[in-house]
Structures are given as C-alpha cells and as structure tokens.
N, C-alpha and C. Protein backbone atom coordinates (compact mmCIF):
# COMPACT_ATOMS: atom_id res chain seq x y z
N MET A 1 0.85 -1.18 0.00
CA MET A 1 0.00 0.00 0.00
C MET A 1 0.90 1.24 0.00
N SER A 2 0.66 2.13 -0.94
CA SER A 2 1.49 3.33 -1.03
C SER A 2 1.10 4.32 0.08
N TYR A 3 1.96 5.32 0.26
CA TYR A 3 1.69 6.34 1.27
C TYR A 3 0.34 7.02 1.00
N LEU A 4 0.11 7.34 -0.27
CA LEU A 4 -1.11 8.05 -0.64
C LEU A 4 -2.36 7.21 -0.33
N GLU A 5 -2.31 5.92 -0.63
CA GLU A 5 -3.44 5.03 -0.35
C GLU A 5 -3.67 4.92 1.15
N ARG A 6 -2.58 4.80 1.90
CA ARG A 6 -2.67 4.68 3.35
C ARG A 6 -3.27 5.96 3.96
N ILE A 7 -2.81 7.10 3.46
CA ILE A 7 -3.32 8.38 3.96
C ILE A 7 -4.81 8.51 3.63
N GLN A 8 -5.20 8.11 2.42
CA GLN A 8 -6.62 8.18 2.04
C GLN A 8 -7.49 7.31 2.95
N THR A 9 -7.02 6.12 3.25
CA THR A 9 -7.75 5.22 4.15
C THR A 9 -7.89 5.85 5.54
N ASP A 10 -6.78 6.40 6.04
CA ASP A 10 -6.81 7.03 7.36
C ASP A 10 -7.64 8.30 7.37
N LEU A 11 -7.68 8.98 6.24
CA LEU A 11 -8.48 10.20 6.09
C LEU A 11 -9.96 9.86 6.27
N THR A 12 -10.40 8.79 5.63
CA THR A 12 -11.79 8.34 5.76
C THR A 12 -12.10 7.99 7.21
N ALA A 13 -11.18 7.29 7.86
CA ALA A 13 -11.38 6.92 9.26
C ALA A 13 -11.46 8.16 10.15
N ALA A 14 -10.61 9.14 9.88
CA ALA A 14 -10.61 10.38 10.69
C ALA A 14 -11.92 11.14 10.51
N MET A 15 -12.47 11.10 9.30
CA MET A 15 -13.76 11.75 9.06
C MET A 15 -14.85 11.09 9.89
N LYS A 16 -14.85 9.76 9.91
CA LYS A 16 -15.85 9.02 10.67
C LYS A 16 -15.71 9.27 12.17
N GLU A 17 -14.46 9.42 12.63
CA GLU A 17 -14.20 9.67 14.06
C GLU A 17 -14.42 11.13 14.43
N LYS A 18 -14.55 11.99 13.42
CA LYS A 18 -14.69 13.44 13.62
C LYS A 18 -13.48 14.01 14.37
N ASN A 19 -12.28 13.50 14.01
CA ASN A 19 -11.03 13.95 14.61
C ASN A 19 -10.49 15.09 13.74
N GLU A 20 -10.81 16.33 14.10
CA GLU A 20 -10.50 17.49 13.27
C GLU A 20 -9.00 17.70 13.03
N LEU A 21 -8.20 17.59 14.08
CA LEU A 21 -6.75 17.82 13.93
C LEU A 21 -6.15 16.78 12.99
N ARG A 22 -6.43 15.52 13.23
CA ARG A 22 -5.90 14.44 12.39
C ARG A 22 -6.39 14.62 10.95
N LEU A 23 -7.64 14.98 10.79
CA LEU A 23 -8.23 15.18 9.47
C LEU A 23 -7.50 16.29 8.71
N SER A 24 -7.23 17.41 9.36
CA SER A 24 -6.56 18.52 8.68
C SER A 24 -5.12 18.17 8.32
N VAL A 25 -4.43 17.43 9.21
CA VAL A 25 -3.05 17.04 8.94
C VAL A 25 -3.00 16.05 7.77
N LEU A 26 -3.92 15.08 7.77
CA LEU A 26 -3.95 14.11 6.68
C LEU A 26 -4.27 14.79 5.35
N ARG A 27 -5.16 15.76 5.38
CA ARG A 27 -5.47 16.51 4.14
C ARG A 27 -4.24 17.27 3.65
N MET A 28 -3.49 17.87 4.59
CA MET A 28 -2.28 18.60 4.22
C MET A 28 -1.26 17.64 3.59
N MET A 29 -1.09 16.47 4.22
CA MET A 29 -0.14 15.48 3.70
C MET A 29 -0.56 15.01 2.30
N LYS A 30 -1.85 14.72 2.15
CA LYS A 30 -2.35 14.24 0.86
C LYS A 30 -2.16 15.30 -0.23
N SER A 31 -2.45 16.55 0.10
CA SER A 31 -2.31 17.59 -0.92
C SER A 31 -0.85 17.81 -1.30
N ALA A 32 0.08 17.70 -0.32
CA ALA A 32 1.50 17.85 -0.63
C ALA A 32 1.96 16.73 -1.56
N LEU A 33 1.50 15.50 -1.29
CA LEU A 33 1.88 14.37 -2.14
C LEU A 33 1.26 14.49 -3.53
N LYS A 34 -0.02 14.87 -3.59
CA LYS A 34 -0.70 15.02 -4.88
C LYS A 34 -0.06 16.12 -5.72
N LEU A 35 0.32 17.23 -5.07
CA LEU A 35 0.96 18.34 -5.77
C LEU A 35 2.24 17.87 -6.45
N LYS A 36 3.05 17.12 -5.71
CA LYS A 36 4.31 16.62 -6.26
C LYS A 36 4.04 15.62 -7.39
N GLU A 37 3.01 14.82 -7.22
CA GLU A 37 2.63 13.84 -8.24
C GLU A 37 2.23 14.55 -9.53
N VAL A 38 1.48 15.63 -9.42
CA VAL A 38 1.05 16.40 -10.59
C VAL A 38 2.26 17.05 -11.25
N GLU A 39 3.18 17.58 -10.43
CA GLU A 39 4.40 18.20 -10.99
C GLU A 39 5.20 17.19 -11.80
N LYS A 40 5.33 15.97 -11.27
CA LYS A 40 6.13 14.94 -11.94
C LYS A 40 5.37 14.27 -13.09
N MET A 41 4.07 14.39 -13.08
CA MET A 41 3.18 13.77 -14.06
C MET A 41 3.28 12.24 -14.05
N LYS A 42 3.55 11.68 -12.89
CA LYS A 42 3.52 10.23 -12.70
C LYS A 42 3.43 9.94 -11.21
N PRO A 43 2.96 8.75 -10.84
CA PRO A 43 2.84 8.42 -9.41
C PRO A 43 4.20 8.46 -8.70
N LEU A 44 4.16 8.85 -7.44
CA LEU A 44 5.38 8.91 -6.63
C LEU A 44 5.74 7.52 -6.13
N ASP A 45 7.05 7.25 -6.02
CA ASP A 45 7.44 6.00 -5.36
C ASP A 45 7.54 6.28 -3.86
N ASP A 46 7.76 5.24 -3.09
CA ASP A 46 7.76 5.39 -1.62
C ASP A 46 8.85 6.32 -1.13
N LEU A 47 10.03 6.29 -1.77
CA LEU A 47 11.14 7.14 -1.33
C LEU A 47 10.80 8.62 -1.54
N GLU A 48 10.18 8.94 -2.67
CA GLU A 48 9.79 10.33 -2.94
C GLU A 48 8.73 10.79 -1.95
N SER A 49 7.77 9.92 -1.68
CA SER A 49 6.73 10.25 -0.70
C SER A 49 7.33 10.48 0.67
N LEU A 50 8.27 9.62 1.04
CA LEU A 50 8.94 9.73 2.32
C LEU A 50 9.66 11.07 2.44
N GLN A 51 10.34 11.49 1.37
CA GLN A 51 11.07 12.76 1.39
C GLN A 51 10.12 13.93 1.56
N ILE A 52 8.96 13.87 0.93
CA ILE A 52 7.97 14.95 1.06
C ILE A 52 7.47 15.03 2.50
N LEU A 53 7.18 13.88 3.10
CA LEU A 53 6.70 13.87 4.48
C LEU A 53 7.79 14.36 5.44
N GLN A 54 9.05 14.00 5.17
CA GLN A 54 10.15 14.50 6.00
C GLN A 54 10.27 16.01 5.88
N THR A 55 10.02 16.53 4.69
CA THR A 55 10.06 17.98 4.48
C THR A 55 8.96 18.66 5.29
N LEU A 56 7.77 18.04 5.34
CA LEU A 56 6.68 18.61 6.14
C LEU A 56 7.05 18.65 7.61
N VAL A 57 7.71 17.60 8.10
CA VAL A 57 8.15 17.57 9.51
C VAL A 57 9.18 18.68 9.75
N LYS A 58 10.11 18.82 8.82
CA LYS A 58 11.16 19.84 8.96
C LYS A 58 10.53 21.24 9.01
N LYS A 59 9.58 21.50 8.11
CA LYS A 59 8.90 22.80 8.10
C LYS A 59 8.14 23.02 9.41
N GLY A 60 7.53 21.96 9.91
CA GLY A 60 6.81 22.05 11.18
C GLY A 60 7.74 22.42 12.33
N LYS A 61 8.92 21.80 12.36
CA LYS A 61 9.88 22.10 13.42
C LYS A 61 10.37 23.54 13.32
N GLU A 62 10.56 24.02 12.10
CA GLU A 62 10.96 25.43 11.91
C GLU A 62 9.84 26.35 12.38
N SER A 63 8.60 25.98 12.11
CA SER A 63 7.46 26.78 12.56
C SER A 63 7.38 26.83 14.08
N ILE A 64 7.64 25.70 14.71
CA ILE A 64 7.62 25.65 16.18
C ILE A 64 8.64 26.64 16.74
N GLU A 65 9.82 26.65 16.14
CA GLU A 65 10.87 27.58 16.57
C GLU A 65 10.39 29.03 16.43
N GLN A 66 9.81 29.34 15.28
CA GLN A 66 9.34 30.69 15.02
C GLN A 66 8.21 31.09 15.99
N PHE A 67 7.26 30.18 16.20
CA PHE A 67 6.15 30.49 17.10
C PHE A 67 6.64 30.68 18.53
N THR A 68 7.60 29.87 18.94
CA THR A 68 8.14 29.98 20.29
C THR A 68 8.84 31.33 20.46
N GLN A 69 9.64 31.71 19.47
CA GLN A 69 10.32 33.01 19.53
C GLN A 69 9.33 34.16 19.47
N GLY A 70 8.23 33.95 18.77
CA GLY A 70 7.23 35.00 18.62
C GLY A 70 6.24 35.07 19.77
N GLY A 71 6.43 34.22 20.77
CA GLY A 71 5.54 34.27 21.93
C GLY A 71 4.17 33.68 21.67
N ARG A 72 4.10 32.66 20.80
CA ARG A 72 2.82 32.00 20.50
C ARG A 72 2.88 30.52 20.85
N PRO A 73 2.93 30.20 22.16
CA PRO A 73 3.03 28.79 22.56
C PRO A 73 1.84 27.96 22.10
N ASP A 74 0.67 28.58 21.93
CA ASP A 74 -0.51 27.85 21.48
C ASP A 74 -0.31 27.29 20.07
N LEU A 75 0.25 28.12 19.18
CA LEU A 75 0.49 27.67 17.81
C LEU A 75 1.64 26.67 17.76
N ALA A 76 2.64 26.86 18.61
CA ALA A 76 3.77 25.92 18.67
C ALA A 76 3.26 24.55 19.12
N GLU A 77 2.36 24.54 20.07
CA GLU A 77 1.81 23.28 20.56
C GLU A 77 1.00 22.57 19.48
N LYS A 78 0.25 23.34 18.69
CA LYS A 78 -0.53 22.76 17.58
C LYS A 78 0.41 22.12 16.55
N GLU A 79 1.51 22.80 16.24
CA GLU A 79 2.49 22.27 15.29
C GLU A 79 3.10 20.97 15.82
N LYS A 80 3.38 20.93 17.12
CA LYS A 80 3.95 19.71 17.72
C LYS A 80 3.00 18.54 17.55
N LYS A 81 1.71 18.78 17.76
CA LYS A 81 0.71 17.72 17.61
C LYS A 81 0.64 17.25 16.15
N GLU A 82 0.76 18.20 15.22
CA GLU A 82 0.72 17.85 13.80
C GLU A 82 1.94 17.00 13.42
N ILE A 83 3.11 17.36 13.94
CA ILE A 83 4.33 16.61 13.64
C ILE A 83 4.20 15.17 14.14
N VAL A 84 3.60 14.99 15.32
CA VAL A 84 3.42 13.64 15.87
C VAL A 84 2.60 12.79 14.89
N ILE A 85 1.57 13.38 14.31
CA ILE A 85 0.72 12.65 13.36
C ILE A 85 1.50 12.31 12.09
N ILE A 86 2.26 13.26 11.56
CA ILE A 86 3.03 13.00 10.34
C ILE A 86 4.09 11.93 10.59
N GLU A 87 4.74 11.99 11.75
CA GLU A 87 5.82 11.04 12.06
C GLU A 87 5.32 9.60 12.15
N GLN A 88 4.01 9.40 12.33
CA GLN A 88 3.47 8.05 12.36
C GLN A 88 3.63 7.37 11.00
N TYR A 89 3.80 8.14 9.96
CA TYR A 89 3.93 7.60 8.61
C TYR A 89 5.39 7.44 8.20
N LEU A 90 6.30 7.91 9.02
CA LEU A 90 7.72 7.83 8.69
C LEU A 90 8.33 6.58 9.32
N PRO A 91 9.35 6.02 8.68
CA PRO A 91 10.03 4.87 9.30
C PRO A 91 10.78 5.34 10.53
N ALA A 92 11.21 4.39 11.32
CA ALA A 92 11.94 4.71 12.55
C ALA A 92 13.25 5.42 12.22
N ALA A 93 13.63 6.32 13.09
CA ALA A 93 14.91 7.03 12.92
C ALA A 93 16.03 6.07 13.30
N PRO A 94 17.21 6.24 12.69
CA PRO A 94 18.33 5.37 13.06
C PRO A 94 18.78 5.68 14.49
N SER A 95 19.26 4.66 15.17
CA SER A 95 19.77 4.87 16.53
C SER A 95 21.11 5.59 16.44
N ASP A 96 21.58 6.12 17.56
CA ASP A 96 22.88 6.78 17.58
C ASP A 96 23.97 5.83 17.12
N GLU A 97 23.83 4.58 17.55
CA GLU A 97 24.82 3.56 17.20
C GLU A 97 24.86 3.34 15.67
N GLU A 98 23.68 3.21 15.05
CA GLU A 98 23.60 3.02 13.60
C GLU A 98 24.18 4.22 12.86
N MET A 99 23.85 5.42 13.34
CA MET A 99 24.33 6.63 12.70
C MET A 99 25.85 6.74 12.81
N THR A 100 26.38 6.47 13.99
CA THR A 100 27.83 6.52 14.19
C THR A 100 28.53 5.51 13.30
N ARG A 101 27.98 4.30 13.20
CA ARG A 101 28.58 3.26 12.36
C ARG A 101 28.56 3.68 10.89
N ALA A 102 27.44 4.23 10.41
CA ALA A 102 27.33 4.67 9.02
C ALA A 102 28.33 5.79 8.73
N ILE A 103 28.50 6.72 9.69
CA ILE A 103 29.43 7.83 9.50
C ILE A 103 30.87 7.31 9.46
N SER A 104 31.22 6.41 10.38
CA SER A 104 32.59 5.91 10.39
C SER A 104 32.90 5.10 9.12
N GLU A 105 31.92 4.33 8.63
CA GLU A 105 32.11 3.60 7.37
C GLU A 105 32.28 4.58 6.21
N ALA A 106 31.47 5.62 6.21
CA ALA A 106 31.55 6.62 5.13
C ALA A 106 32.89 7.34 5.15
N VAL A 107 33.39 7.64 6.35
CA VAL A 107 34.68 8.32 6.48
C VAL A 107 35.80 7.41 5.97
N SER A 108 35.78 6.13 6.36
CA SER A 108 36.85 5.23 5.94
C SER A 108 36.79 4.96 4.43
N GLU A 109 35.57 4.84 3.87
CA GLU A 109 35.44 4.59 2.43
C GLU A 109 35.89 5.78 1.60
N SER A 110 35.57 6.99 2.07
CA SER A 110 35.92 8.18 1.29
C SER A 110 37.33 8.69 1.61
N GLY A 111 37.91 8.19 2.68
CA GLY A 111 39.25 8.63 3.07
C GLY A 111 39.26 10.07 3.56
N ALA A 112 38.13 10.55 4.01
CA ALA A 112 38.01 11.94 4.46
C ALA A 112 38.81 12.15 5.74
N ASP A 113 39.51 13.30 5.80
CA ASP A 113 40.28 13.60 7.00
C ASP A 113 40.14 15.06 7.42
N SER A 114 39.28 15.81 6.72
CA SER A 114 39.07 17.21 7.12
C SER A 114 37.63 17.60 6.80
N LEU A 115 37.25 18.76 7.32
CA LEU A 115 35.89 19.26 7.10
C LEU A 115 35.60 19.57 5.63
N LYS A 116 36.65 19.69 4.82
CA LYS A 116 36.46 19.97 3.40
C LYS A 116 35.71 18.84 2.69
N GLN A 117 35.86 17.63 3.19
CA GLN A 117 35.18 16.48 2.58
C GLN A 117 33.85 16.14 3.27
N MET A 118 33.36 17.05 4.08
CA MET A 118 32.15 16.79 4.85
C MET A 118 30.96 16.42 3.96
N GLY A 119 30.79 17.11 2.85
CA GLY A 119 29.66 16.86 1.96
C GLY A 119 29.65 15.43 1.45
N ALA A 120 30.81 14.93 1.06
CA ALA A 120 30.91 13.56 0.55
C ALA A 120 30.58 12.54 1.65
N VAL A 121 31.04 12.82 2.85
CA VAL A 121 30.78 11.91 3.97
C VAL A 121 29.29 11.90 4.32
N VAL A 122 28.67 13.07 4.36
CA VAL A 122 27.24 13.16 4.67
C VAL A 122 26.45 12.38 3.61
N LYS A 123 26.80 12.57 2.36
CA LYS A 123 26.10 11.89 1.26
C LYS A 123 26.24 10.38 1.39
N ALA A 124 27.46 9.91 1.65
CA ALA A 124 27.70 8.47 1.78
C ALA A 124 26.97 7.90 3.00
N ALA A 125 27.00 8.62 4.11
CA ALA A 125 26.32 8.15 5.33
C ALA A 125 24.81 8.10 5.11
N ARG A 126 24.29 9.11 4.41
CA ARG A 126 22.85 9.15 4.11
C ARG A 126 22.46 7.93 3.26
N ALA A 127 23.31 7.57 2.31
CA ALA A 127 23.04 6.40 1.46
C ALA A 127 23.02 5.12 2.29
N LYS A 128 23.91 5.03 3.28
CA LYS A 128 23.96 3.84 4.14
C LYS A 128 22.73 3.74 5.05
N LEU A 129 22.12 4.87 5.36
CA LEU A 129 20.95 4.90 6.24
C LEU A 129 19.65 4.98 5.44
N GLU A 130 19.71 4.62 4.17
CA GLU A 130 18.55 4.69 3.27
C GLU A 130 17.36 3.95 3.88
N GLY A 131 16.18 4.57 3.78
CA GLY A 131 14.97 3.94 4.30
C GLY A 131 14.67 4.30 5.74
N LYS A 132 15.57 5.02 6.38
CA LYS A 132 15.35 5.48 7.75
C LYS A 132 14.99 6.96 7.70
N ALA A 133 14.28 7.43 8.70
CA ALA A 133 13.96 8.85 8.80
C ALA A 133 15.17 9.57 9.40
N ILE A 134 15.91 10.27 8.56
CA ILE A 134 17.15 10.90 8.99
C ILE A 134 16.95 12.39 9.17
N ASP A 135 17.35 12.91 10.32
CA ASP A 135 17.36 14.35 10.54
C ASP A 135 18.70 14.85 10.00
N GLY A 136 18.65 15.59 8.89
CA GLY A 136 19.86 16.05 8.22
C GLY A 136 20.76 16.88 9.11
N LYS A 137 20.17 17.70 9.97
CA LYS A 137 20.97 18.55 10.84
C LYS A 137 21.76 17.70 11.84
N VAL A 138 21.11 16.72 12.43
CA VAL A 138 21.78 15.84 13.39
C VAL A 138 22.91 15.08 12.70
N LEU A 139 22.62 14.58 11.49
CA LEU A 139 23.64 13.84 10.74
C LEU A 139 24.84 14.73 10.43
N SER A 140 24.60 15.93 9.92
CA SER A 140 25.73 16.81 9.57
C SER A 140 26.49 17.25 10.82
N ASP A 141 25.80 17.45 11.94
CA ASP A 141 26.49 17.80 13.19
C ASP A 141 27.41 16.66 13.64
N LYS A 142 26.94 15.42 13.53
CA LYS A 142 27.76 14.28 13.93
C LYS A 142 28.95 14.11 13.00
N VAL A 143 28.75 14.35 11.69
CA VAL A 143 29.86 14.25 10.74
C VAL A 143 30.89 15.34 11.05
N ARG A 144 30.41 16.55 11.32
CA ARG A 144 31.32 17.66 11.65
C ARG A 144 32.14 17.31 12.89
N GLU A 145 31.45 16.76 13.88
CA GLU A 145 32.12 16.37 15.13
C GLU A 145 33.19 15.30 14.86
N THR A 146 32.86 14.35 14.00
CA THR A 146 33.80 13.28 13.66
C THR A 146 35.01 13.78 12.89
N LEU A 147 34.79 14.71 11.96
CA LEU A 147 35.88 15.21 11.11
C LEU A 147 36.67 16.35 11.73
N SER A 148 36.14 16.96 12.78
CA SER A 148 36.85 18.08 13.41
C SER A 148 38.14 17.57 14.04
N PRO A 149 39.20 18.38 13.91
CA PRO A 149 40.47 17.97 14.54
C PRO A 149 40.30 17.89 16.06
N LYS A 150 40.79 16.82 16.62
CA LYS A 150 40.70 16.64 18.07
C LYS A 150 41.77 17.50 18.76
N SER A 151 41.38 18.18 19.82
CA SER A 151 42.35 19.04 20.52
C SER A 151 42.86 18.41 21.78
C-alpha cells in the first residue's frame, strides 16, 4: 500500500471519528503528495513520498521555533501535535549507534580527513541509512564532530 493510499484510508477513518486535527493534517499530507505527483506527471514512489513527508516535519519544526520566539506557545503546541501525526507515517529514525557506524564507514570509504570532505561523507552516510527517517541537521552535526580535529 502506497503512502497516498494509506493516507486516504486514514483520512476516511478520521472523518468518521470526527477527529479534526488528524483530518486537517492528513489533508495537508495528501495535498503535498498530490501536488508533487502532478508536478512529476507520474505516481510517486515510496522514497519520494517519504522525502515529502520528512520535508513537512522539517517545516513544522521550523514553525515551532518561530512560534516559540514570537511568543505564541498555542500555535507551537498545535504544530507539535501535527508533527506527531506526520511522524506516524515515517520509518523509525536510526539509533545513535547506527548513525555513528554509518558515518565511520563513510569516512573510511571516502578517506576523508578534514571538514572539506564533509559533503561527501554526509552523502555516503545518508546512502547507508537509506529507508530510515534521517534528521539532516543531526547527521551533519555528527559528521562535523567526527571530522573536526581533536584538541
């Protein structure tokens, strides 16, 4: 079952349950996926759908930051609830151990020894963690920490 089919099924269930928050989040997710599908003029595969949903989570987290700085805890709380619903459709995030292992493998394979090769290491580590919900900022911070000269 594709992401879009699963969301449609859950959308119908949310309508029957009269769960307004879940309903609005599912509609937002469905419209984001449909928009991308129309742009590409062909159905999305699971990886493309996953990337769109991860983008929605990232935007939500940025919104939470903005609302918190702007003194709107009510809106920040609503965004947090929306992110929880979207994350139910994402695969599990890699553990610290998995991420560290992927980074060290990527470093040894690419022969990276300075921050100048950070992009290549991040790309290689991301490829090793394919299919997991990866927070790009956390990954790049860990790569930076690994490649930084030890004092």
